[in-house]
């Protein structure tokens, strides 16, 4: 991923796919810290994808430079303190509950308004814990307690998150709403391996809209797409 052009490598030791069970902290630490330490020694910029403050702290000690918390600080009240103490960028994602139960929490009257309001509460808590305002990055949380119609609404109105005044990270790569969009004639969702072109399209559109970053699996395809979007915006290569 690094050789193909990724700016940051995101390292996580716990699946956050819908319906997945949690692993214990010791298992997560054992998975994450050695990888972070080795990649940091190799000179790669790293973020740690975790909802546990202890894991984030250990990963930072091992060389991680960004905390990517899909719970936005809700899963562990000490997370914001760790990010503040380490003075690292802190990705706050919209979240309503752990993966095992999050599908039942996908109820909204206006998903964009509610996600914005809930992210604002996460920002306020982070600032109160000492996180610097310029360290905060927002993620609307595509697929987390969201149905496909919610994900598309969030992307369609991405400008409303950009207007909050913080960098915005978009994580659409291979997610269920893309599989549903690309379903076959019988309605079966396109498998994850067949969603890369759609992912790259979201990356290009997100870049054109002004997103700070996109979190992807296939770096090469999305990097090409982002470069096209940038050249389009500039009016030249």
Protein backbone atom coordinates (compact mmCIF):
# COMPACT_ATOMS: atom_id res chain seq x y z
CA UNK A 1 0.00 0.00 0.00
CA UNK A 2 2.84 2.37 0.84
CA UNK A 3 4.71 1.62 -2.36
CA UNK A 4 1.52 2.22 -4.36
CA UNK A 5 1.17 5.73 -2.98
CA UNK A 6 -0.71 5.66 0.33
CA UNK A 7 -0.01 8.75 2.44
CA UNK A 8 -0.84 6.98 5.73
CA UNK A 9 -1.17 3.30 6.62
CA UNK A 10 -4.07 2.59 8.98
CA UNK A 11 -3.37 -0.34 11.32
CA UNK A 12 -6.17 -2.05 13.22
CA UNK A 13 -6.50 -5.29 15.14
CA UNK A 14 -10.27 -5.63 15.47
CA UNK A 15 -12.90 -6.07 12.76
CA UNK A 16 -15.64 -3.45 12.68
CA UNK A 17 -17.74 -5.16 10.01
CA UNK A 18 -21.47 -5.19 10.81
CA UNK A 19 -22.29 -8.06 13.14
CA UNK A 20 -18.70 -8.82 14.11
CA UNK A 21 -17.76 -9.76 17.66
CA UNK A 22 -15.16 -7.84 19.63
CA UNK A 23 -11.73 -9.18 20.53
CA UNK A 24 -10.26 -8.61 23.97
CA UNK A 25 -7.74 -5.85 24.59
CA UNK A 26 -4.80 -8.23 24.96
CA UNK A 27 -5.49 -9.79 21.55
CA UNK A 28 -5.85 -6.38 19.93
CA UNK A 29 -2.60 -5.17 21.46
CA UNK A 30 -0.78 -8.31 20.32
CA UNK A 31 -2.02 -7.80 16.77
CA UNK A 32 -1.39 -4.07 16.50
CA UNK A 33 1.71 -3.04 18.42
CA UNK A 34 4.33 -5.25 16.69
CA UNK A 35 3.05 -4.21 13.25
CA UNK A 36 3.08 -0.53 14.16
CA UNK A 37 6.57 -0.80 15.66
CA UNK A 38 8.01 -2.49 12.56
CA UNK A 39 6.33 -0.18 10.06
CA UNK A 40 7.36 2.88 12.07
CA UNK A 41 10.95 1.64 12.04
CA UNK A 42 10.63 1.39 8.27
CA UNK A 43 9.64 5.05 8.18
CA UNK A 44 5.95 4.76 7.28
CA UNK A 45 3.41 7.32 8.57
CA UNK A 46 0.82 5.36 10.56
CA UNK A 47 -2.59 5.72 12.12
CA UNK A 48 -3.98 3.30 14.68
CA UNK A 49 -7.57 2.16 14.16
CA UNK A 50 -8.91 1.38 17.62
CA UNK A 51 -11.66 2.27 20.07
CA UNK A 52 -9.53 1.48 23.12
CA UNK A 53 -7.42 4.17 24.76
CA UNK A 54 -4.85 1.64 26.00
CA UNK A 55 -4.31 0.34 22.48
CA UNK A 56 -4.04 3.85 21.08
CA UNK A 57 -1.49 4.80 23.74
CA UNK A 58 0.61 1.69 23.12
CA UNK A 59 0.48 2.22 19.35
CA UNK A 60 1.55 5.86 19.71
CA UNK A 61 4.46 4.73 21.90
CA UNK A 62 5.36 2.27 19.11
CA UNK A 63 5.30 5.00 16.46
CA UNK A 64 1.72 5.67 15.32
CA UNK A 65 1.11 9.33 14.50
CA UNK A 66 -2.71 9.48 14.20
CA UNK A 67 -5.56 8.05 16.29
CA UNK A 68 -8.47 6.80 14.19
CA UNK A 69 -11.35 6.07 16.57
CA UNK A 70 -14.47 4.75 14.85
CA UNK A 71 -16.44 5.36 18.04
CA UNK A 72 -15.56 9.05 18.15
CA UNK A 73 -14.59 8.65 21.80
CA UNK A 74 -17.83 6.99 22.91
CA UNK A 75 -16.41 3.51 23.43
CA UNK A 76 -13.66 4.62 25.80
CA UNK A 77 -13.89 7.94 27.69
CA UNK A 78 -10.10 8.06 28.03
CA UNK A 79 -9.44 8.08 24.28
CA UNK A 80 -9.61 11.85 23.84
CA UNK A 81 -7.22 12.31 26.76
CA UNK A 82 -4.70 10.01 25.09
CA UNK A 83 -4.96 11.90 21.80
CA UNK A 84 -4.69 15.23 23.61
CA UNK A 85 -1.69 14.14 25.66
CA UNK A 86 0.15 12.83 22.62
CA UNK A 87 -0.77 15.89 20.52
CA UNK A 88 -1.64 13.74 17.51
CA UNK A 89 -4.42 14.15 14.93
CA UNK A 90 -7.63 12.53 16.12
CA UNK A 91 -10.19 11.09 13.69
CA UNK A 92 -13.69 11.27 15.18
CA UNK A 93 -16.13 9.02 13.36
CA UNK A 94 -19.90 9.02 13.76
CA UNK A 95 -20.87 5.92 15.74
CA UNK A 96 -23.86 4.68 17.67
CA UNK A 97 -22.71 1.31 18.97
CA UNK A 98 -20.42 -1.65 18.50
CA UNK A 99 -20.57 -3.68 15.29
CA UNK A 100 -22.53 -6.57 16.81
CA UNK A 101 -25.59 -4.37 17.37
CA UNK A 102 -25.17 -1.33 15.15
CA UNK A 103 -27.61 -2.34 12.40
CA UNK A 104 -30.49 -1.96 14.87
CA UNK A 105 -29.38 1.63 15.54
CA UNK A 106 -29.79 2.82 11.93
CA UNK A 107 -32.89 4.92 12.51
CA UNK A 108 -32.95 8.59 11.47
CA UNK A 109 -35.44 11.29 10.57
CA UNK A 110 -32.76 13.29 8.73
CA UNK A 111 -29.52 11.35 8.71
CA UNK A 112 -27.33 14.29 7.73
CA UNK A 113 -28.68 16.61 10.41
CA UNK A 114 -28.50 13.92 13.09
CA UNK A 115 -25.02 12.73 12.15
CA UNK A 116 -23.81 16.33 12.14
CA UNK A 117 -25.35 17.00 15.55
CA UNK A 118 -23.88 13.83 17.03
CA UNK A 119 -20.45 14.62 15.59
CA UNK A 120 -20.66 18.10 17.06
CA UNK A 121 -21.16 16.52 20.48
CA UNK A 122 -18.08 14.37 19.90
CA UNK A 123 -16.09 17.46 18.92
CA UNK A 124 -17.19 19.28 22.06
CA UNK A 125 -16.13 16.36 24.25
CA UNK A 126 -12.76 16.11 22.51
CA UNK A 127 -12.08 19.81 22.92
CA UNK A 128 -13.08 19.62 26.58
CA UNK A 129 -10.55 16.80 27.05
CA UNK A 130 -7.80 19.00 25.66
CA UNK A 131 -7.65 17.93 22.00
CA UNK A 132 -6.51 20.86 19.86
CA UNK A 133 -9.11 22.12 17.42
CA UNK A 134 -6.70 21.78 14.52
CA UNK A 135 -6.06 18.12 15.42
CA UNK A 136 -9.64 17.00 14.78
CA UNK A 137 -10.66 15.14 11.61
CA UNK A 138 -14.29 14.12 11.03
CA UNK A 139 -15.63 10.92 9.48
CA UNK A 140 -19.40 10.60 8.83
CA UNK A 141 -19.16 6.85 9.39
CA UNK A 142 -20.49 5.30 6.20
CA UNK A 143 -21.93 1.87 6.94
CA UNK A 144 -21.79 2.26 10.72
CA UNK A 145 -25.39 2.19 11.97
CA UNK A 146 -26.35 3.28 8.45
CA UNK A 147 -28.41 1.67 5.71
CA UNK A 148 -27.58 2.24 2.04
CA UNK A 149 -29.96 5.18 1.73
CA UNK A 150 -28.24 6.83 4.68
CA UNK A 151 -24.78 6.37 3.16
CA UNK A 152 -25.86 7.91 -0.15
CA UNK A 153 -27.51 10.84 1.63
CA UNK A 154 -24.31 11.52 3.58
CA UNK A 155 -22.23 11.48 0.40
CA UNK A 156 -24.74 13.59 -1.51
CA UNK A 157 -24.56 16.23 1.21
CA UNK A 158 -20.87 15.89 2.03
CA UNK A 159 -20.54 19.67 1.77
CA UNK A 160 -22.54 20.01 4.99
CA UNK A 161 -19.78 18.14 6.84
CA UNK A 162 -17.06 20.14 5.13
CA UNK A 163 -18.88 23.29 6.28
CA UNK A 164 -18.31 22.23 9.90
CA UNK A 165 -14.77 23.56 9.49
CA UNK A 166 -12.76 20.38 10.00
CA UNK A 167 -10.98 18.03 7.58
CA UNK A 168 -13.29 15.20 6.47
CA UNK A 169 -12.29 11.58 5.94
CA UNK A 170 -14.49 9.36 3.74
CA UNK A 171 -14.40 5.59 4.24
CA UNK A 172 -16.51 3.97 1.51
CA UNK A 173 -14.12 1.27 0.32
CA UNK A 174 -15.88 -2.00 -0.62
CA UNK A 175 -18.80 -1.27 1.71
CA UNK A 176 -22.24 -2.86 1.56
CA UNK A 177 -24.01 0.11 0.00
CA UNK A 178 -21.74 -0.19 -3.05
CA UNK A 179 -22.46 -3.92 -3.27
CA UNK A 180 -26.19 -3.19 -3.18
CA UNK A 181 -25.87 -0.55 -5.89
CA UNK A 182 -24.06 -3.03 -8.14
CA UNK A 183 -26.35 -5.99 -7.42
CA UNK A 184 -26.94 -8.54 -10.17
CA UNK A 185 -30.26 -9.15 -11.92
CA UNK A 186 -31.38 -11.44 -9.11
CA UNK A 187 -30.65 -8.80 -6.48
CA UNK A 188 -27.53 -10.44 -5.06
CA UNK A 189 -25.04 -7.77 -3.94
CA UNK A 190 -21.78 -7.50 -5.85
CA UNK A 191 -19.04 -9.22 -3.81
CA UNK A 192 -16.51 -6.98 -2.08
CA UNK A 193 -13.82 -7.91 -4.60
CA UNK A 194 -15.94 -6.41 -7.39
CA UNK A 195 -16.49 -3.02 -5.78
CA UNK A 196 -13.13 -1.38 -6.50
CA UNK A 197 -14.24 0.69 -9.51
CA UNK A 198 -17.18 2.03 -7.52
CA UNK A 199 -14.83 2.75 -4.61
CA UNK A 200 -12.50 4.68 -6.91
CA UNK A 201 -15.47 6.69 -8.20
CA UNK A 202 -16.40 7.64 -4.64
CA UNK A 203 -12.76 8.60 -4.03
CA UNK A 204 -12.73 10.90 -7.07
CA UNK A 205 -16.03 12.53 -6.15
CA UNK A 206 -14.98 12.93 -2.52
CA UNK A 207 -11.72 14.56 -3.59
CA UNK A 208 -13.55 16.87 -5.96
CA UNK A 209 -15.92 17.86 -3.15
CA UNK A 210 -12.98 18.80 -0.89
CA UNK A 211 -12.54 15.77 1.39
CA UNK A 212 -9.26 15.64 3.31
CA UNK A 213 -8.76 11.95 2.66
CA UNK A 214 -10.25 8.62 1.63
CA UNK A 215 -9.66 5.34 3.44
CA UNK A 216 -9.33 2.54 0.88
CA UNK A 217 -8.04 -0.97 0.29
CA UNK A 218 -6.88 -0.64 -3.33
CA UNK A 219 -4.58 2.35 -3.09
CA UNK A 220 -3.59 2.44 -6.75
CA UNK A 221 -7.11 2.71 -8.16
CA UNK A 222 -8.20 5.43 -5.75
CA UNK A 223 -4.95 7.35 -6.13
CA UNK A 224 -5.50 7.44 -9.90
CA UNK A 225 -9.07 8.62 -9.33
CA UNK A 226 -8.00 11.35 -6.89
CA UNK A 227 -5.31 12.57 -9.30
CA UNK A 228 -7.92 12.83 -12.05
CA UNK A 229 -10.18 14.84 -9.75
CA UNK A 230 -7.31 17.17 -8.83
CA UNK A 231 -6.33 17.73 -12.45
CA UNK A 232 -9.97 18.36 -13.35
CA UNK A 233 -10.22 20.98 -10.58
CA UNK A 234 -6.99 22.68 -11.71
CA UNK A 235 -7.91 22.58 -15.37
CA UNK A 236 -4.71 20.77 -16.24
CA UNK A 237 -2.42 17.87 -15.43
